[in-house]
Amino acid sequence: MQGPPSYALIRQWSDRFGRDPLAKAVVADLRGRADEIWQHAFQLLQRESPEYRNAVDDAFAKESKAHCNELLRMIIAVAVGEVRKSTPDPFDFVRTHAQWRARHHVPLVASLHAYRIAYRTYSEISQDALGQRGTPKDIVGAQRILSEFWIEFFDHVGHVLADAHAAEDVLIVAQETRSYVRLMNDLLHGVEPAEQESQRLCALRGMRPGAPLAVVVAKPLRVNGLHVDREVTLRSLARLLEQALSPTVFGTLIDVKDSQVTAIVCSDGDTSRNLVQALRRAGFAKRPADGQQAGVGISMDIAEVAHLPEALEEAQIAIAFATANHPLMRFSDIHLPDLLVRRADQIAVRLIPAWARQLDSAKDGRSRDLIRTIRAFTDCNFSAKHTARELGVHTNTIYFRLNRLKKISGMDPRTYAGASTILTALSLLEIHTDESTLAWQRHGGAADAR
């Protein structure tokens, strides 16, 4: 829908109600009348819309009633100025409603007709309420405010519903066809689409020949020690990606399998950077209030389908570096030393010296201080004075700790070679703790320590 963002539109509506106490009071008085409004609208729908007569069952009635309640809550919140900016778009509940109906094969025309019925219902109820209060002059002003609001509000939710319903329809049709599954599998194995149906699906999803490609991998992170319901979250992630990547900018192919969401994306240029910006705008980089968050890994751009397997590997490596604080990670943003440490094999783990294991496993504050000091020392470009300022201690304390590290490790932490070896050993332990412990025990680590 063209026009101002949802929150700006809501602010305009709330300002109008704020200037007309009678119109505001009429809407506020709708609290507690949700069942009456739903019953009235639902009966009209069944009489006037044959599409609904074919779709109505207990689940449909329950969902319809729940959505009617959500609409009423939003309407009242707008009128009394209580809409809070808790989500990127306050009309996400309309998208959820559209997705449910699309998946239950309710025709879009029927859902749009339901909003026309709702518009009539609210108009009639508010008109009746105005006739029972206020002066003629007040009634005329409130009537104008309410009339404009009902038209604009249901026009807006109608556009939101139509867009979401259309996007869900495309997703359903694509994901439920064997051709789509075969297309995704072929592309991720570097095979150009040769069949006419595969080429048609690429065109339908906006995949443009010659455009730079990138692969996105998304899956739920473990946050606060809890795992979310994976199936529900993965389906939700696929829809969120679909909504975040505008078809006017991106071509997208999205699939859910192997416990992750995988997307092949193209744009006119610098696809991976455009992806990061679009996902940030959609709220992917924010920590949600419920603690449930998705990690997203994004590959570097490639020019040919033949390189999509490498792009998939890059995206999977990138997501391994995603955290709750940094959930969006591009492969090109990974620091090379971090990658080498994380992907170290068993041989490298066995090379971790005993002193590093003892230092890392010690629970006393002095050992923790030594580790904090060497990391801060390198971050401060080997300046003892800056390190002392960073840690809030005397410079002599930094020298004492560095000398202590030299005595423990046999390496001088004030040199690049010594500092890099110490930090690499500690980083390997941080990533491969269990593996290093087993390797140490297997090779007589206890004896080495003595």
Protein backbone atom coordinates (compact mmCIF):
# COMPACT_ATOMS: atom_id res chain seq x y z
CA MET A 1 0.00 0.00 0.00
CA GLN A 2 1.32 3.44 -0.89
CA GLY A 3 1.12 6.17 1.72
CA PRO A 4 2.43 6.90 5.21
CA PRO A 5 3.75 4.08 7.44
CA SER A 6 1.26 2.46 9.79
CA TYR A 7 2.36 4.32 12.92
CA ALA A 8 2.19 7.68 11.15
CA LEU A 9 -1.31 6.85 9.95
CA ILE A 10 -2.35 5.83 13.46
CA ARG A 11 -0.96 9.07 14.85
CA GLN A 12 -3.09 11.04 12.35
CA TRP A 13 -6.22 9.13 13.37
CA SER A 14 -5.49 9.51 17.10
CA ASP A 15 -4.92 13.26 16.69
CA ARG A 16 -8.32 13.62 15.01
CA PHE A 17 -10.06 11.73 17.80
CA GLY A 18 -8.16 13.82 20.34
CA ARG A 19 -9.77 16.95 18.88
CA ASP A 20 -13.31 15.50 18.99
CA PRO A 21 -14.31 14.16 22.44
CA LEU A 22 -17.69 12.91 21.21
CA ALA A 23 -16.24 10.75 18.41
CA LYS A 24 -13.63 9.44 20.84
CA ALA A 25 -16.29 8.57 23.43
CA VAL A 26 -18.44 6.73 20.88
CA VAL A 27 -15.56 4.44 19.93
CA ALA A 28 -14.35 3.98 23.52
CA ASP A 29 -17.88 2.84 24.45
CA LEU A 30 -17.48 -0.11 22.07
CA ARG A 31 -15.46 -1.89 24.74
CA GLY A 32 -17.23 -5.03 25.83
CA ARG A 33 -19.35 -5.28 22.66
CA ALA A 34 -17.02 -7.56 20.68
CA ASP A 35 -19.40 -10.54 20.73
CA GLU A 36 -22.34 -8.41 19.59
CA ILE A 37 -20.34 -6.86 16.74
CA TRP A 38 -19.00 -10.23 15.59
CA GLN A 39 -22.40 -11.89 15.69
CA HIS A 40 -23.99 -9.10 13.65
CA ALA A 41 -21.22 -9.09 11.03
CA PHE A 42 -20.98 -12.88 10.85
CA GLN A 43 -24.68 -13.29 10.16
CA LEU A 44 -24.51 -10.71 7.38
CA LEU A 45 -21.52 -12.51 5.87
CA GLN A 46 -23.27 -15.84 5.78
CA ARG A 47 -26.29 -14.28 4.10
CA GLU A 48 -24.44 -12.15 1.56
CA SER A 49 -21.25 -14.09 0.77
CA PRO A 50 -21.61 -17.63 -0.62
CA GLU A 51 -17.85 -18.08 -0.34
CA TYR A 52 -18.20 -18.01 3.44
CA ARG A 53 -21.01 -20.53 3.52
CA ASN A 54 -18.60 -23.02 1.93
CA ALA A 55 -15.77 -22.24 4.33
CA VAL A 56 -17.49 -22.02 7.73
CA ASP A 57 -16.64 -24.61 10.36
CA ASP A 58 -15.78 -24.45 14.07
CA ALA A 59 -12.14 -23.54 13.44
CA PHE A 60 -13.16 -20.85 10.97
CA ALA A 61 -15.73 -19.34 13.35
CA LYS A 62 -13.19 -19.34 16.20
CA GLU A 63 -10.53 -17.61 14.06
CA SER A 64 -13.07 -15.11 12.68
CA LYS A 65 -14.22 -14.18 16.17
CA ALA A 66 -10.63 -13.80 17.40
CA HIS A 67 -9.81 -11.49 14.51
CA CYS A 68 -12.93 -9.42 15.15
CA ASN A 69 -11.74 -8.94 18.75
CA GLU A 70 -8.27 -7.91 17.52
CA LEU A 71 -9.76 -5.35 15.15
CA LEU A 72 -11.90 -3.89 17.93
CA ARG A 73 -8.93 -3.64 20.30
CA MET A 74 -6.94 -1.80 17.64
CA ILE A 75 -9.83 0.54 16.82
CA ILE A 76 -10.30 1.48 20.47
CA ALA A 77 -6.54 1.86 21.03
CA VAL A 78 -6.35 4.24 18.05
CA ALA A 79 -9.27 6.34 19.29
CA VAL A 80 -7.97 6.71 22.85
CA GLY A 81 -4.31 7.07 21.80
CA GLU A 82 -3.02 3.88 23.41
CA VAL A 83 -1.21 2.24 20.48
CA ARG A 84 2.35 1.44 21.56
CA LYS A 85 5.34 0.93 19.22
CA SER A 86 6.02 -2.63 20.39
CA THR A 87 6.34 -4.19 16.92
CA PRO A 88 7.66 -3.00 13.53
CA ASP A 89 4.06 -2.89 12.25
CA PRO A 90 0.98 -2.75 14.51
CA PHE A 91 -1.08 -4.43 11.77
CA ASP A 92 0.91 -7.68 11.83
CA PHE A 93 -2.20 -9.35 13.28
CA VAL A 94 -3.93 -8.67 9.95
CA ARG A 95 -1.11 -10.48 8.14
CA THR A 96 -1.45 -13.44 10.49
CA HIS A 97 -5.19 -13.48 9.77
CA ALA A 98 -4.53 -13.40 6.01
CA GLN A 99 -1.99 -16.22 6.23
CA TRP A 100 -4.41 -18.41 8.19
CA ARG A 101 -7.18 -17.86 5.63
CA ALA A 102 -4.89 -18.46 2.68
CA ARG A 103 -3.73 -21.75 4.17
CA HIS A 104 -7.35 -22.77 4.81
CA HIS A 105 -8.28 -21.91 1.22
CA VAL A 106 -10.65 -19.07 2.06
CA PRO A 107 -10.94 -16.93 -1.10
CA LEU A 108 -9.40 -13.46 -0.87
CA VAL A 109 -12.59 -11.91 -2.22
CA ALA A 110 -14.50 -13.38 0.71
CA SER A 111 -12.09 -11.93 3.27
CA LEU A 112 -12.24 -8.50 1.63
CA HIS A 113 -16.03 -8.69 1.63
CA ALA A 114 -15.85 -9.43 5.36
CA TYR A 115 -14.10 -6.09 5.88
CA ARG A 116 -16.79 -4.32 3.86
CA ILE A 117 -19.39 -5.90 6.16
CA ALA A 118 -17.34 -4.84 9.20
CA TYR A 119 -17.20 -1.29 7.86
CA ARG A 120 -21.00 -1.23 7.52
CA THR A 121 -21.45 -2.71 10.99
CA TYR A 122 -19.22 -0.17 12.73
CA SER A 123 -20.75 2.71 10.74
CA GLU A 124 -24.28 1.71 11.78
CA ILE A 125 -23.37 1.19 15.44
CA SER A 126 -21.55 4.52 15.70
CA GLN A 127 -24.39 6.33 13.91
CA ASP A 128 -26.92 4.94 16.39
CA ALA A 129 -24.71 5.96 19.32
CA LEU A 130 -24.37 9.52 18.01
CA GLY A 131 -28.13 9.91 17.83
CA GLN A 132 -28.39 9.38 21.58
CA ARG A 133 -25.95 12.06 22.77
CA GLY A 134 -24.45 15.47 22.03
CA THR A 135 -25.72 18.67 20.42
CA PRO A 136 -26.54 18.75 16.68
CA LYS A 137 -23.33 20.67 16.04
CA ASP A 138 -21.25 18.16 18.00
CA ILE A 139 -22.94 15.25 16.23
CA VAL A 140 -22.14 16.66 12.77
CA GLY A 141 -18.44 17.07 13.64
CA ALA A 142 -18.17 13.62 15.22
CA GLN A 143 -20.04 12.06 12.32
CA ARG A 144 -17.47 13.46 9.88
CA ILE A 145 -14.53 12.20 11.98
CA LEU A 146 -16.03 8.72 12.34
CA SER A 147 -17.03 8.42 8.70
CA GLU A 148 -13.51 9.27 7.50
CA PHE A 149 -11.95 6.97 10.06
CA TRP A 150 -14.06 3.92 9.17
CA ILE A 151 -13.28 4.38 5.46
CA GLU A 152 -9.55 4.90 5.95
CA PHE A 153 -9.13 2.20 8.60
CA PHE A 154 -10.83 -0.59 6.65
CA ASP A 155 -9.16 0.55 3.44
CA HIS A 156 -5.78 0.21 5.16
CA VAL A 157 -6.42 -3.21 6.71
CA GLY A 158 -7.87 -4.36 3.38
CA HIS A 159 -4.62 -3.49 1.60
CA VAL A 160 -2.54 -5.19 4.31
CA LEU A 161 -4.71 -8.31 4.10
CA ALA A 162 -4.62 -8.45 0.29
CA ASP A 163 -0.82 -8.11 0.16
CA ALA A 164 -0.25 -10.74 2.86
CA HIS A 165 -2.81 -13.11 1.32
CA ALA A 166 -1.16 -12.81 -2.09
CA ALA A 167 2.31 -13.42 -0.65
CA GLU A 168 1.09 -16.45 1.28
CA ASP A 169 -0.66 -17.82 -1.82
CA VAL A 170 2.58 -17.61 -3.79
CA LEU A 171 4.48 -19.28 -0.94
CA ILE A 172 1.91 -22.07 -0.66
CA VAL A 173 1.75 -22.76 -4.37
CA ALA A 174 5.51 -22.72 -4.70
CA GLN A 175 6.38 -24.76 -1.64
CA GLU A 176 3.75 -27.41 -2.23
CA THR A 177 4.86 -28.29 -5.74
CA ARG A 178 7.44 -30.91 -6.56
CA SER A 179 8.88 -28.59 -9.17
CA TYR A 180 9.73 -26.01 -6.52
CA VAL A 181 11.46 -28.57 -4.30
CA ARG A 182 13.40 -29.92 -7.27
CA LEU A 183 14.34 -26.39 -8.34
CA MET A 184 15.74 -25.48 -4.91
CA ASN A 185 17.64 -28.76 -4.71
CA ASP A 186 19.15 -28.31 -8.19
CA LEU A 187 20.14 -24.68 -7.58
CA LEU A 188 21.81 -25.42 -4.25
CA HIS A 189 23.80 -28.12 -6.04
CA GLY A 190 24.88 -25.62 -8.68
CA VAL A 191 22.61 -26.86 -11.47
CA GLU A 192 20.99 -24.29 -13.79
CA PRO A 193 17.19 -24.72 -14.17
CA ALA A 194 16.60 -26.41 -17.53
CA GLU A 195 12.96 -27.45 -17.30
CA GLN A 196 10.30 -25.00 -18.45
CA GLU A 197 8.40 -25.27 -15.15
CA SER A 198 11.55 -24.49 -13.14
CA GLN A 199 12.26 -21.47 -15.31
CA ARG A 200 8.66 -20.31 -14.87
CA LEU A 201 8.99 -20.57 -11.08
CA CYS A 202 12.21 -18.54 -11.19
CA ALA A 203 10.45 -15.83 -13.18
CA LEU A 204 7.43 -15.92 -10.83
CA ARG A 205 9.71 -15.42 -7.83
CA GLY A 206 11.61 -12.53 -9.47
CA MET A 207 14.88 -14.39 -10.08
CA ARG A 208 16.54 -12.32 -12.80
CA PRO A 209 19.21 -13.83 -15.12
CA GLY A 210 22.61 -12.27 -14.55
CA ALA A 211 21.69 -10.63 -11.22
CA PRO A 212 24.16 -11.22 -8.33
CA LEU A 213 23.02 -14.04 -6.05
CA ALA A 214 23.41 -14.67 -2.33
CA VAL A 215 22.24 -17.44 0.00
CA VAL A 216 20.53 -16.78 3.34
CA VAL A 217 20.25 -19.36 6.12
CA ALA A 218 18.03 -18.64 9.14
CA LYS A 219 17.13 -20.69 12.20
CA PRO A 220 16.16 -20.10 15.84
CA LEU A 221 18.91 -19.36 18.32
CA ARG A 222 19.09 -20.85 21.78
CA VAL A 223 18.24 -17.89 24.02
CA ASN A 224 18.17 -17.92 27.84
CA GLY A 225 18.87 -21.65 27.77
CA LEU A 226 15.58 -22.49 26.00
CA HIS A 227 14.76 -23.88 22.59
CA VAL A 228 11.66 -22.65 20.79
CA ASP A 229 9.22 -24.88 18.89
CA ARG A 230 11.31 -25.41 15.76
CA GLU A 231 8.62 -26.25 13.23
CA VAL A 232 6.43 -23.30 14.16
CA THR A 233 9.40 -20.94 14.30
CA LEU A 234 10.84 -22.09 10.97
CA ARG A 235 7.53 -21.54 9.18
CA SER A 236 7.24 -18.15 10.83
CA LEU A 237 10.80 -17.28 9.79
CA ALA A 238 10.03 -18.18 6.17
CA ARG A 239 7.04 -15.82 6.20
CA LEU A 240 9.04 -13.05 7.87
CA LEU A 241 11.76 -13.33 5.25
CA GLU A 242 9.10 -13.22 2.55
CA GLN A 243 7.65 -10.02 4.03
CA ALA A 244 11.04 -8.39 4.65
CA LEU A 245 12.34 -8.84 1.11
CA SER A 246 10.27 -6.60 -1.13
CA PRO A 247 9.60 -8.16 -4.57
CA THR A 248 10.33 -4.77 -6.14
CA VAL A 249 13.94 -5.08 -4.93
CA PHE A 250 14.64 -8.80 -4.49
CA GLY A 251 13.98 -12.04 -6.27
CA THR A 252 13.59 -14.85 -3.71
CA LEU A 253 13.32 -18.62 -3.53
CA ILE A 254 12.65 -19.81 0.03
CA ASP A 255 12.48 -23.35 1.41
CA VAL A 256 12.19 -24.92 4.86
CA LYS A 257 14.08 -28.16 5.42
CA ASP A 258 16.93 -29.69 7.41
CA SER A 259 15.93 -27.65 10.50
CA GLN A 260 16.58 -24.30 8.84
CA VAL A 261 15.16 -21.77 6.39
CA THR A 262 17.21 -21.46 3.23
CA ALA A 263 16.72 -18.65 0.72
CA ILE A 264 18.35 -17.91 -2.62
CA VAL A 265 18.12 -14.17 -3.24
CA CYS A 266 19.05 -11.82 -6.06
CA SER A 267 18.92 -8.06 -6.57
CA ASP A 268 20.26 -5.55 -9.07
CA GLY A 269 23.55 -5.13 -7.19
CA ASP A 270 25.39 -5.81 -3.88
CA THR A 271 22.77 -8.37 -2.86
CA SER A 272 24.31 -9.39 0.47
CA ARG A 273 24.57 -5.77 1.68
CA ASN A 274 21.02 -5.03 0.52
CA LEU A 275 19.86 -8.13 2.40
CA VAL A 276 21.41 -6.96 5.66
CA GLN A 277 19.80 -3.54 5.34
CA ALA A 278 16.36 -5.00 4.52
CA LEU A 279 16.49 -7.50 7.38
CA ARG A 280 17.60 -4.81 9.84
CA ARG A 281 14.66 -2.64 8.80
CA ALA A 282 12.35 -5.63 9.37
CA GLY A 283 13.61 -6.04 12.94
CA PHE A 284 15.78 -9.16 12.52
CA ALA A 285 18.65 -7.50 14.39
CA LYS A 286 16.57 -6.70 17.48
CA ARG A 287 16.27 -8.86 20.57
CA PRO A 288 12.55 -9.73 20.96
CA ALA A 289 10.79 -9.23 24.27
CA ASP A 290 9.95 -12.96 24.60
CA GLY A 291 13.62 -13.96 24.25
CA GLN A 292 13.01 -15.98 21.09
CA GLN A 293 15.35 -14.89 18.32
CA ALA A 294 16.54 -16.04 14.93
CA GLY A 295 20.11 -16.16 13.72
CA VAL A 296 20.73 -15.29 10.08
CA GLY A 297 23.81 -16.14 7.99
CA ILE A 298 24.37 -14.45 4.63
CA SER A 299 26.87 -15.50 1.98
CA MET A 300 28.98 -13.28 -0.24
CA ASP A 301 27.60 -12.40 -3.67
CA ILE A 302 28.16 -14.80 -6.55
CA ALA A 303 27.63 -14.31 -10.28
CA GLU A 304 26.83 -17.86 -11.38
CA VAL A 305 24.48 -20.63 -10.26
CA ALA A 306 27.42 -23.05 -10.35
CA HIS A 307 28.81 -21.31 -7.23
CA LEU A 308 25.62 -21.61 -5.15
CA PRO A 309 26.95 -24.67 -3.22
CA GLU A 310 29.87 -22.54 -2.00
CA ALA A 311 27.46 -19.71 -1.14
CA LEU A 312 25.33 -22.13 0.90
CA GLU A 313 28.42 -23.24 2.80
CA GLU A 314 29.34 -19.60 3.47
CA ALA A 315 25.87 -18.84 4.83
CA GLN A 316 26.00 -21.90 7.10
CA ILE A 317 29.41 -20.87 8.39
CA ALA A 318 28.17 -17.30 8.95
CA ILE A 319 25.17 -18.40 11.01
CA ALA A 320 27.50 -20.32 13.32
CA PHE A 321 28.87 -16.89 14.33
CA ALA A 322 25.40 -15.38 14.92
CA THR A 323 24.60 -14.54 18.55
CA ALA A 324 21.73 -12.94 20.43
CA ASN A 325 23.64 -9.64 20.38
CA HIS A 326 24.63 -9.97 16.70
CA PRO A 327 21.98 -12.17 15.04
CA LEU A 328 22.76 -11.00 11.48
CA MET A 329 26.11 -12.21 10.19
CA ARG A 330 27.59 -11.87 6.71
CA PHE A 331 30.30 -14.33 5.76
CA SER A 332 32.49 -11.43 4.60
CA ASP A 333 32.28 -9.85 8.10
CA ILE A 334 33.80 -12.86 9.88
CA HIS A 335 37.32 -12.22 11.19
CA LEU A 336 39.76 -14.70 9.67
CA PRO A 337 41.43 -15.64 13.01
CA ASP A 338 38.00 -16.36 14.52
CA LEU A 339 37.12 -18.61 11.59
CA LEU A 340 40.39 -20.53 11.84
CA VAL A 341 39.92 -21.06 15.58
CA ARG A 342 36.30 -22.17 15.26
CA ARG A 343 37.06 -24.63 12.45
CA ALA A 344 40.22 -26.06 14.00
CA ASP A 345 40.47 -29.86 13.80
CA GLN A 346 41.40 -32.41 16.48
CA ILE A 347 45.11 -32.09 15.76
CA ALA A 348 45.07 -28.36 16.56
CA VAL A 349 43.07 -29.03 19.73
CA ARG A 350 45.68 -31.57 20.90
CA LEU A 351 48.37 -28.90 20.53
CA ILE A 352 46.80 -26.72 23.25
CA PRO A 353 49.44 -26.66 26.03
CA ALA A 354 48.67 -27.82 29.57
CA TRP A 355 49.27 -24.38 31.08
CA ALA A 356 46.47 -22.93 28.91
CA ARG A 357 44.04 -25.62 30.04
CA GLN A 358 44.92 -25.03 33.69
CA LEU A 359 44.58 -21.27 33.32
CA ASP A 360 41.24 -21.55 31.51
CA SER A 361 39.76 -24.08 33.93
CA ALA A 362 40.85 -22.27 37.11
CA LYS A 363 37.97 -20.76 39.03
CA ASP A 364 39.96 -18.23 41.07
CA GLY A 365 39.82 -14.52 40.35
CA ARG A 366 43.55 -14.21 39.66
CA SER A 367 43.40 -16.56 36.67
CA ARG A 368 40.36 -14.72 35.30
CA ASP A 369 42.28 -11.43 35.72
CA LEU A 370 45.22 -12.77 33.71
CA ILE A 371 42.93 -13.77 30.82
CA ARG A 372 41.11 -10.42 30.88
CA THR A 373 44.43 -8.59 30.94
CA ILE A 374 46.03 -10.29 27.91
CA ARG A 375 42.88 -9.72 25.86
CA ALA A 376 42.63 -6.07 26.88
CA PHE A 377 46.39 -5.62 26.32
CA THR A 378 46.15 -6.69 22.66
CA ASP A 379 42.95 -4.67 22.16
CA CYS A 380 44.86 -1.62 23.43
CA ASN A 381 47.70 -2.12 20.91
CA PHE A 382 50.15 -3.52 23.51
CA SER A 383 50.00 -0.32 25.59
CA ALA A 384 50.21 -1.06 29.32
CA LYS A 385 49.05 2.46 30.17
CA HIS A 386 45.90 2.21 28.01
CA THR A 387 45.21 -1.30 29.30
CA ALA A 388 45.40 -0.10 32.90
CA ARG A 389 42.96 2.70 32.11
CA GLU A 390 40.61 0.23 30.37
CA LEU A 391 40.63 -2.20 33.32
CA GLY A 392 40.67 0.47 36.02
CA VAL A 393 43.93 -0.68 37.66
CA HIS A 394 47.47 0.69 38.13
CA THR A 395 49.96 0.31 35.28
CA ASN A 396 52.27 -1.69 37.57
CA THR A 397 49.44 -4.21 38.01
CA ILE A 398 49.38 -4.75 34.23
CA TYR A 399 53.15 -5.34 34.19
CA PHE A 400 52.86 -7.77 37.09
CA ARG A 401 50.14 -9.77 35.32
CA LEU A 402 52.05 -9.86 32.04
CA ASN A 403 55.12 -11.13 33.84
CA ARG A 404 52.99 -13.74 35.57
CA LEU A 405 51.65 -14.89 32.18
CA LYS A 406 55.21 -15.10 30.86
CA LYS A 407 56.22 -17.29 33.79
CA ILE A 408 53.18 -19.59 33.39
CA SER A 409 53.35 -19.96 29.61
CA GLY A 410 57.02 -19.55 28.86
CA MET A 411 56.08 -16.93 26.24
CA ASP A 412 56.43 -13.17 26.40
CA PRO A 413 52.91 -11.65 26.05
CA ARG A 414 54.49 -8.27 25.21
CA THR A 415 55.58 -9.62 21.83
CA TYR A 416 53.24 -10.33 18.91
CA ALA A 417 54.32 -13.98 18.71
CA GLY A 418 53.78 -14.57 22.42
CA ALA A 419 50.45 -12.72 22.67
CA SER A 420 49.00 -14.35 19.54
CA THR A 421 49.95 -17.85 20.75
CA ILE A 422 48.44 -17.28 24.20
CA LEU A 423 45.22 -15.82 22.78
CA THR A 424 44.89 -18.56 20.15
CA ALA A 425 45.23 -21.27 22.81
CA LEU A 426 42.62 -19.60 25.03
CA SER A 427 40.25 -19.07 22.08
CA LEU A 428 40.56 -22.72 21.04
CA LEU A 429 39.68 -23.76 24.58
CA GLU A 430 36.67 -21.45 24.62
CA ILE A 431 35.29 -23.00 21.42
CA HIS A 432 36.45 -26.62 21.82
CA THR A 433 36.34 -27.14 25.60
CA ASP A 434 34.97 -30.70 25.59
CA GLU A 435 37.24 -31.87 22.76
CA SER A 436 40.36 -30.39 24.35
CA THR A 437 39.59 -31.98 27.74
CA LEU A 438 39.23 -35.43 26.19
CA ALA A 439 42.41 -34.98 24.16
CA TRP A 440 44.31 -33.84 27.24
CA GLN A 441 43.18 -36.84 29.27
CA ARG A 442 43.87 -39.24 26.41
CA HIS A 443 47.48 -38.02 26.15
CA GLY A 444 48.29 -38.01 29.85
CA GLY A 445 47.49 -34.37 30.45
CA ALA A 446 47.46 -34.79 34.21
CA ALA A 447 51.08 -35.92 34.12
CA ASP A 448 52.05 -33.00 31.89
CA ALA A 449 50.46 -30.59 34.35
CA ARG A 450 52.65 -31.89 37.10
